[in-house]
Protein backbone atom coordinates (compact mmCIF):
# COMPACT_ATOMS: atom_id res chain seq x y z
CA UNK A 1 37.48 -0.52 -67.94
CA UNK A 2 40.04 2.00 -69.12
CA UNK A 3 43.75 1.37 -68.76
CA UNK A 4 46.23 4.21 -68.36
CA UNK A 5 49.94 3.81 -68.99
CA UNK A 6 52.13 6.50 -67.48
CA UNK A 7 53.67 7.84 -64.32
CA UNK A 8 51.37 9.81 -61.98
CA UNK A 9 54.16 12.41 -61.79
CA UNK A 10 53.82 13.08 -65.52
CA UNK A 11 51.05 14.39 -67.77
CA UNK A 12 49.29 11.09 -67.00
CA UNK A 13 48.00 12.77 -63.83
CA UNK A 14 45.71 14.80 -66.08
CA UNK A 15 44.10 11.63 -67.43
CA UNK A 16 43.78 10.08 -63.97
CA UNK A 17 42.17 13.27 -62.65
CA UNK A 18 39.70 13.32 -65.55
CA UNK A 19 38.76 9.68 -64.92
CA UNK A 20 38.28 10.42 -61.21
CA UNK A 21 36.06 13.41 -62.05
CA UNK A 22 34.01 11.20 -64.38
CA UNK A 23 33.77 8.39 -61.82
CA UNK A 24 35.11 5.91 -64.37
CA UNK A 25 37.00 2.79 -63.28
CA UNK A 26 40.53 2.43 -64.60
CA UNK A 27 43.69 0.42 -64.14
CA UNK A 28 46.98 2.31 -63.92
CA UNK A 29 50.24 0.90 -65.26
CA UNK A 30 52.77 3.30 -63.64
CA UNK A 31 55.44 3.50 -66.33
CA UNK A 32 58.08 6.07 -67.17
CA UNK A 33 58.61 7.18 -70.80
CA UNK A 34 60.59 4.96 -73.15
CA UNK A 35 60.06 1.65 -71.32
CA UNK A 36 59.42 -1.47 -73.38
CA UNK A 37 55.75 -1.55 -72.31
CA UNK A 38 55.29 2.09 -73.33
CA UNK A 39 57.02 1.58 -76.69
CA UNK A 40 54.88 -1.49 -77.38
CA UNK A 41 51.81 0.77 -77.28
CA UNK A 42 53.32 4.04 -78.56
CA UNK A 43 56.45 3.82 -80.75
CA UNK A 44 57.48 7.36 -79.71
CA UNK A 45 57.88 6.08 -76.14
CA UNK A 46 55.80 8.98 -74.79
CA UNK A 47 53.19 8.82 -72.04
CA UNK A 48 50.33 8.88 -71.20
CA UNK A 49 48.50 6.25 -73.19
CA UNK A 50 44.81 5.46 -72.72
CA UNK A 51 43.74 1.95 -73.70
CA UNK A 52 40.10 1.19 -74.35
CA UNK A 53 39.61 -2.30 -75.72
CA UNK A 54 41.76 -2.55 -78.84
CA UNK A 55 42.12 1.23 -79.15
CA UNK A 56 45.12 3.20 -77.92
CA UNK A 57 44.99 6.98 -77.58
CA UNK A 58 48.09 9.08 -76.96
CA UNK A 59 48.64 12.73 -75.94
CA UNK A 60 47.08 13.91 -72.70
CA UNK A 61 45.00 16.68 -74.29
CA UNK A 62 43.61 14.33 -76.94
CA UNK A 63 42.73 11.82 -74.21
CA UNK A 64 41.04 14.48 -72.06
CA UNK A 65 39.01 15.72 -75.02
CA UNK A 66 37.97 12.20 -75.99
CA UNK A 67 36.88 11.31 -72.45
CA UNK A 68 35.04 14.61 -71.93
CA UNK A 69 33.16 14.27 -75.22
CA UNK A 70 32.38 10.59 -74.69
CA UNK A 71 31.01 11.10 -71.17
CA UNK A 72 29.50 14.55 -71.77
CA UNK A 73 31.26 16.21 -68.84
CA UNK A 74 34.03 18.73 -68.12
CA UNK A 75 33.54 20.29 -71.53
CA UNK A 76 31.28 22.60 -73.47
CA UNK A 77 29.23 20.78 -76.13
CA UNK A 78 30.84 20.21 -79.54
CA UNK A 79 29.88 22.75 -82.17
CA UNK A 80 29.11 25.57 -79.72
CA UNK A 81 30.78 28.95 -79.34
CA UNK A 82 31.52 28.00 -75.73
CA UNK A 83 33.45 24.97 -77.00
CA UNK A 84 35.41 27.17 -79.40
CA UNK A 85 36.36 29.45 -76.49
CA UNK A 86 37.28 26.42 -74.36
CA UNK A 87 39.45 24.96 -77.14
CA UNK A 88 41.06 28.37 -77.67
CA UNK A 89 41.92 28.56 -73.97
CA UNK A 90 43.28 25.00 -73.99
CA UNK A 91 45.53 25.76 -76.94
CA UNK A 92 46.68 29.01 -75.32
CA UNK A 93 47.71 27.13 -72.16
CA UNK A 94 49.59 24.52 -74.19
CA UNK A 95 51.34 27.22 -76.23
CA UNK A 96 52.04 29.95 -73.69
CA UNK A 97 52.39 27.99 -70.43
CA UNK A 98 53.19 24.33 -71.03
CA UNK A 99 55.64 24.78 -73.93
CA UNK A 100 58.14 26.66 -71.76
CA UNK A 101 57.85 24.11 -68.97
CA UNK A 102 58.55 21.29 -71.40
CA UNK A 103 61.57 23.17 -72.74
CA UNK A 104 62.82 23.73 -69.18
CA UNK A 105 62.46 20.03 -68.36
CA UNK A 106 64.33 19.04 -71.50
CA UNK A 107 67.21 21.37 -70.64
CA UNK A 108 67.13 20.31 -66.99
CA UNK A 109 67.28 16.51 -67.27
CA UNK A 110 65.96 15.05 -70.54
CA UNK A 111 68.38 16.17 -73.25
CA UNK A 112 71.92 14.76 -73.36
CA UNK A 113 74.04 16.90 -71.07
CA UNK A 114 76.07 18.34 -73.94
CA UNK A 115 72.85 19.65 -75.53
CA UNK A 116 71.46 21.39 -72.43
CA UNK A 117 71.43 25.19 -72.18
CA UNK A 118 70.74 26.05 -68.52
CA UNK A 119 70.81 29.79 -69.25
CA UNK A 120 67.54 29.49 -71.16
CA UNK A 121 65.59 29.09 -67.90
CA UNK A 122 65.46 32.83 -67.14
CA UNK A 123 63.75 33.51 -70.47
CA UNK A 124 61.39 30.57 -70.00
CA UNK A 125 60.29 31.87 -66.59
CA UNK A 126 59.57 35.26 -68.16
CA UNK A 127 57.52 33.58 -70.91
CA UNK A 128 55.70 31.43 -68.35
CA UNK A 129 54.66 34.50 -66.36
CA UNK A 130 53.47 36.31 -69.46
CA UNK A 131 51.44 33.21 -70.40
CA UNK A 132 49.95 32.84 -66.90
CA UNK A 133 48.90 36.50 -66.90
CA UNK A 134 47.29 36.13 -70.33
CA UNK A 135 45.39 32.98 -69.34
CA UNK A 136 44.24 34.28 -65.96
CA UNK A 137 42.96 37.47 -67.62
CA UNK A 138 40.47 35.24 -69.49
CA UNK A 139 39.14 33.53 -66.35
CA UNK A 140 35.35 33.84 -66.10
CA UNK A 141 34.66 32.59 -62.57
CA UNK A 142 36.00 30.17 -59.99
CA UNK A 143 37.12 28.06 -62.97
CA UNK A 144 38.58 29.31 -66.23
CA UNK A 145 35.35 28.88 -68.22
CA UNK A 146 33.04 29.97 -65.39
CA UNK A 147 31.23 27.98 -62.73
CA UNK A 148 32.19 24.46 -63.89
CA UNK A 149 35.56 22.75 -64.17
CA UNK A 150 36.62 21.95 -67.74
CA UNK A 151 39.61 20.52 -69.59
CA UNK A 152 41.70 23.73 -69.46
CA UNK A 153 41.47 23.77 -65.64
CA UNK A 154 43.02 20.31 -65.44
CA UNK A 155 45.83 21.28 -67.80
CA UNK A 156 46.58 24.63 -66.14
CA UNK A 157 46.55 23.11 -62.64
CA UNK A 158 49.01 20.45 -63.74
CA UNK A 159 51.21 23.08 -65.42
CA UNK A 160 51.27 25.27 -62.30
CA UNK A 161 52.30 22.25 -60.21
CA UNK A 162 54.96 21.37 -62.77
CA UNK A 163 56.20 24.98 -62.67
CA UNK A 164 56.81 24.76 -58.93
CA UNK A 165 58.81 21.56 -59.48
CA UNK A 166 60.91 23.38 -62.11
CA UNK A 167 61.49 26.32 -59.75
CA UNK A 168 59.37 28.77 -61.73
CA UNK A 169 57.89 31.58 -59.65
CA UNK A 170 54.99 33.84 -60.57
CA UNK A 171 53.79 37.21 -59.43
CA UNK A 172 50.20 36.56 -60.58
CA UNK A 173 48.09 37.14 -57.45
CA UNK A 174 45.17 35.07 -58.75
CA UNK A 175 47.05 31.88 -59.61
CA UNK A 176 47.75 30.45 -56.14
CA UNK A 177 44.15 30.78 -54.83
CA UNK A 178 42.86 29.38 -58.13
CA UNK A 179 45.19 26.34 -57.90
CA UNK A 180 44.24 25.75 -54.26
CA UNK A 181 40.59 25.76 -55.37
CA UNK A 182 41.09 23.28 -58.24
CA UNK A 183 43.34 20.95 -56.23
CA UNK A 184 40.79 20.90 -53.38
CA UNK A 185 38.34 18.98 -55.57
CA UNK A 186 37.55 15.51 -54.21
CA UNK A 187 38.58 13.86 -57.49
CA UNK A 188 42.03 15.43 -57.32
CA UNK A 189 42.42 14.68 -53.62
CA UNK A 190 41.84 10.97 -54.31
CA UNK A 191 45.01 10.99 -56.42
CA UNK A 192 47.27 12.29 -53.67
CA UNK A 193 49.41 9.82 -51.76
CA UNK A 194 47.91 8.82 -48.45
CA UNK A 195 49.93 10.06 -45.49
CA UNK A 196 50.62 7.46 -42.77
């Protein structure tokens, strides 16, 4: 059984979603960054961490890629042109969409207060929208790569949710219906808190 260390409100949600899609059992240790448990498995104090036996894998994208390759799902096969396009799209999302969100979070609540530059947010929102438009222009079907969900869909859906939390708006008409479609998946729905 896999173990996942990380808060479901962080990038760890990507790993949990992947495991749900794959139908793999896992145990979640809901930890915030920099706790003693996290540092004992990853000296940087960052989450998520996937534990499989004696092995520990860090970085959400590395974990997603490992799980997809191992289980032969949610990815194009290694060594194919389709995989190269998928990896290109994944890297584009990380560079053009996620990077600005991470910078916004750092300047919002992570960095020491004296190091924060709140005025940067306007530029980051502009960059986010440019990145969203670039990524959505590459979409090939109901999912980014076509008819099947793949790694970049999980990352982009998480980023779009994160953007709403950060107060980023977008004028991309395709994004909201796309996110509703990806979040409607049964595997994602299983991760949502149950309402009383």
